[in-house]
């Protein structure tokens, strides 16, 4: 696992990923986990941090 762990069960992470990549339709945790892993690979943790910041700032 290392440090590349994403809390896909977290509602904030699910909402952020759903907003920016799924048209706002809330995705289940496993779909978010799979999407981040397949799309961003080793950078999924870093991408998640930026997505959460953008979501928080309502960008």
N, C-alpha and C. Protein backbone atom coordinates (compact mmCIF):
# COMPACT_ATOMS: atom_id res chain seq x y z
N UNK A 1 0.81 -1.21 0.00
CA UNK A 1 0.00 0.00 0.00
C UNK A 1 0.85 1.26 0.00
N UNK A 2 1.83 1.34 0.85
CA UNK A 2 2.66 2.54 0.89
C UNK A 2 1.88 3.76 1.31
N UNK A 3 2.24 4.89 0.74
CA UNK A 3 1.58 6.15 1.08
C UNK A 3 0.50 6.54 0.08
N UNK A 4 0.29 5.73 -0.92
CA UNK A 4 -0.69 6.06 -1.96
C UNK A 4 -2.06 5.48 -1.60
N UNK A 5 -2.60 5.95 -0.49
CA UNK A 5 -3.88 5.46 0.00
C UNK A 5 -4.91 6.57 -0.11
N UNK A 6 -6.08 6.23 -0.61
CA UNK A 6 -7.16 7.21 -0.78
C UNK A 6 -8.36 6.76 0.05
N UNK A 7 -8.91 7.65 0.88
CA UNK A 7 -10.08 7.30 1.69
C UNK A 7 -11.37 7.37 0.86
N UNK A 8 -11.54 6.44 -0.06
CA UNK A 8 -12.67 6.48 -0.98
C UNK A 8 -14.02 6.32 -0.27
N UNK A 9 -14.01 5.82 0.96
CA UNK A 9 -15.26 5.70 1.72
C UNK A 9 -15.70 7.04 2.31
N UNK A 10 -14.80 8.01 2.32
CA UNK A 10 -15.10 9.33 2.88
C UNK A 10 -16.12 10.05 1.99
N UNK A 11 -17.17 10.57 2.60
CA UNK A 11 -18.23 11.22 1.84
C UNK A 11 -17.71 12.43 1.07
N UNK A 12 -16.79 13.18 1.65
CA UNK A 12 -16.23 14.34 0.96
C UNK A 12 -15.47 13.95 -0.29
N UNK A 13 -14.70 12.88 -0.21
CA UNK A 13 -13.97 12.38 -1.38
C UNK A 13 -14.96 11.92 -2.44
N UNK A 14 -15.96 11.18 -2.02
CA UNK A 14 -16.97 10.70 -2.97
C UNK A 14 -17.69 11.86 -3.65
N UNK A 15 -18.04 12.88 -2.87
CA UNK A 15 -18.73 14.04 -3.45
C UNK A 15 -17.84 14.79 -4.43
N UNK A 16 -16.58 14.99 -4.06
CA UNK A 16 -15.66 15.73 -4.93
C UNK A 16 -15.44 14.99 -6.25
N UNK A 17 -15.12 13.72 -6.18
CA UNK A 17 -14.90 12.93 -7.40
C UNK A 17 -16.17 12.90 -8.24
N UNK A 18 -17.30 12.73 -7.59
CA UNK A 18 -18.57 12.68 -8.31
C UNK A 18 -18.88 14.00 -9.00
N UNK A 19 -18.59 15.10 -8.33
CA UNK A 19 -18.87 16.42 -8.91
C UNK A 19 -18.04 16.66 -10.17
N UNK A 20 -16.75 16.38 -10.10
CA UNK A 20 -15.86 16.74 -11.20
C UNK A 20 -15.76 15.70 -12.31
N UNK A 21 -16.14 14.46 -12.03
CA UNK A 21 -15.96 13.42 -13.04
C UNK A 21 -17.23 12.64 -13.40
N UNK A 22 -18.29 12.78 -12.61
CA UNK A 22 -19.50 12.01 -12.87
C UNK A 22 -20.74 12.88 -12.91
N UNK A 23 -20.58 14.14 -13.24
CA UNK A 23 -21.72 15.03 -13.38
C UNK A 23 -22.52 15.25 -12.11
N UNK A 24 -21.88 15.06 -10.96
CA UNK A 24 -22.56 15.29 -9.69
C UNK A 24 -23.32 14.10 -9.14
N UNK A 25 -23.42 13.02 -9.91
CA UNK A 25 -24.13 11.81 -9.44
C UNK A 25 -23.23 11.06 -8.47
N UNK A 26 -23.63 11.01 -7.21
CA UNK A 26 -22.81 10.41 -6.16
C UNK A 26 -22.49 8.95 -6.46
N UNK A 27 -21.21 8.65 -6.47
CA UNK A 27 -20.73 7.31 -6.79
C UNK A 27 -20.44 6.52 -5.51
N UNK A 28 -20.60 5.21 -5.56
CA UNK A 28 -20.24 4.38 -4.40
C UNK A 28 -18.73 4.37 -4.21
N UNK A 29 -18.30 4.06 -3.00
CA UNK A 29 -16.88 4.09 -2.66
C UNK A 29 -16.04 3.23 -3.59
N UNK A 30 -16.50 2.04 -3.91
CA UNK A 30 -15.71 1.15 -4.77
C UNK A 30 -15.53 1.73 -6.16
N UNK A 31 -16.54 2.39 -6.69
CA UNK A 31 -16.42 3.03 -8.01
C UNK A 31 -15.40 4.17 -7.96
N UNK A 32 -15.41 4.94 -6.88
CA UNK A 32 -14.45 6.03 -6.72
C UNK A 32 -13.04 5.47 -6.61
N UNK A 33 -12.87 4.44 -5.81
CA UNK A 33 -11.57 3.80 -5.63
C UNK A 33 -11.02 3.29 -6.96
N UNK A 34 -11.85 2.59 -7.70
CA UNK A 34 -11.45 2.03 -8.99
C UNK A 34 -11.12 3.13 -9.99
N UNK A 35 -11.97 4.17 -10.06
CA UNK A 35 -11.76 5.28 -10.98
C UNK A 35 -10.43 5.97 -10.71
N UNK A 36 -10.17 6.31 -9.44
CA UNK A 36 -8.93 7.01 -9.11
C UNK A 36 -7.71 6.15 -9.42
N UNK A 37 -7.78 4.88 -9.10
CA UNK A 37 -6.65 3.98 -9.37
C UNK A 37 -6.39 3.85 -10.87
N UNK A 38 -7.43 3.66 -11.66
CA UNK A 38 -7.26 3.47 -13.10
C UNK A 38 -6.87 4.76 -13.81
N UNK A 39 -7.45 5.87 -13.39
CA UNK A 39 -7.22 7.14 -14.08
C UNK A 39 -5.92 7.82 -13.68
N UNK A 40 -5.56 7.73 -12.39
CA UNK A 40 -4.42 8.50 -11.89
C UNK A 40 -3.29 7.65 -11.33
N UNK A 41 -3.49 6.37 -11.17
CA UNK A 41 -2.42 5.47 -10.75
C UNK A 41 -1.69 5.92 -9.50
N UNK A 42 -0.37 6.09 -9.62
CA UNK A 42 0.47 6.47 -8.49
C UNK A 42 0.19 7.87 -7.96
N UNK A 43 -0.58 8.65 -8.67
CA UNK A 43 -0.87 10.03 -8.26
C UNK A 43 -2.26 10.20 -7.65
N UNK A 44 -2.96 9.11 -7.42
CA UNK A 44 -4.34 9.21 -6.94
C UNK A 44 -4.46 9.94 -5.61
N UNK A 45 -3.51 9.74 -4.72
CA UNK A 45 -3.57 10.44 -3.43
C UNK A 45 -3.42 11.94 -3.63
N UNK A 46 -2.45 12.35 -4.46
CA UNK A 46 -2.22 13.78 -4.72
C UNK A 46 -3.43 14.41 -5.41
N UNK A 47 -3.98 13.72 -6.37
CA UNK A 47 -5.16 14.22 -7.08
C UNK A 47 -6.33 14.39 -6.12
N UNK A 48 -6.48 13.46 -5.20
CA UNK A 48 -7.56 13.54 -4.23
C UNK A 48 -7.44 14.79 -3.36
N UNK A 49 -6.23 15.12 -2.95
CA UNK A 49 -6.01 16.32 -2.14
C UNK A 49 -6.46 17.56 -2.92
N UNK A 50 -6.06 17.65 -4.18
CA UNK A 50 -6.45 18.81 -5.00
C UNK A 50 -7.95 18.85 -5.27
N UNK A 51 -8.54 17.70 -5.49
CA UNK A 51 -9.99 17.65 -5.70
C UNK A 51 -10.74 18.13 -4.45
N UNK A 52 -10.28 17.71 -3.29
CA UNK A 52 -10.92 18.15 -2.05
C UNK A 52 -10.79 19.65 -1.85
N UNK A 53 -9.62 20.20 -2.18
CA UNK A 53 -9.44 21.65 -2.06
C UNK A 53 -10.35 22.39 -3.02
N UNK A 54 -10.43 21.93 -4.26
CA UNK A 54 -11.29 22.57 -5.26
C UNK A 54 -12.75 22.49 -4.84
N UNK A 55 -13.14 21.34 -4.31
CA UNK A 55 -14.52 21.15 -3.86
C UNK A 55 -14.83 22.09 -2.70
N UNK A 56 -13.90 22.19 -1.77
CA UNK A 56 -14.08 23.05 -0.60
C UNK A 56 -14.21 24.52 -1.00
N UNK A 57 -13.43 24.93 -2.03
CA UNK A 57 -13.46 26.31 -2.50
C UNK A 57 -14.57 26.54 -3.52
N UNK A 58 -15.32 25.49 -3.83
CA UNK A 58 -16.42 25.56 -4.79
C UNK A 58 -15.96 26.06 -6.16
N UNK A 59 -14.86 25.50 -6.63
CA UNK A 59 -14.33 25.88 -7.95
C UNK A 59 -14.95 25.05 -9.04
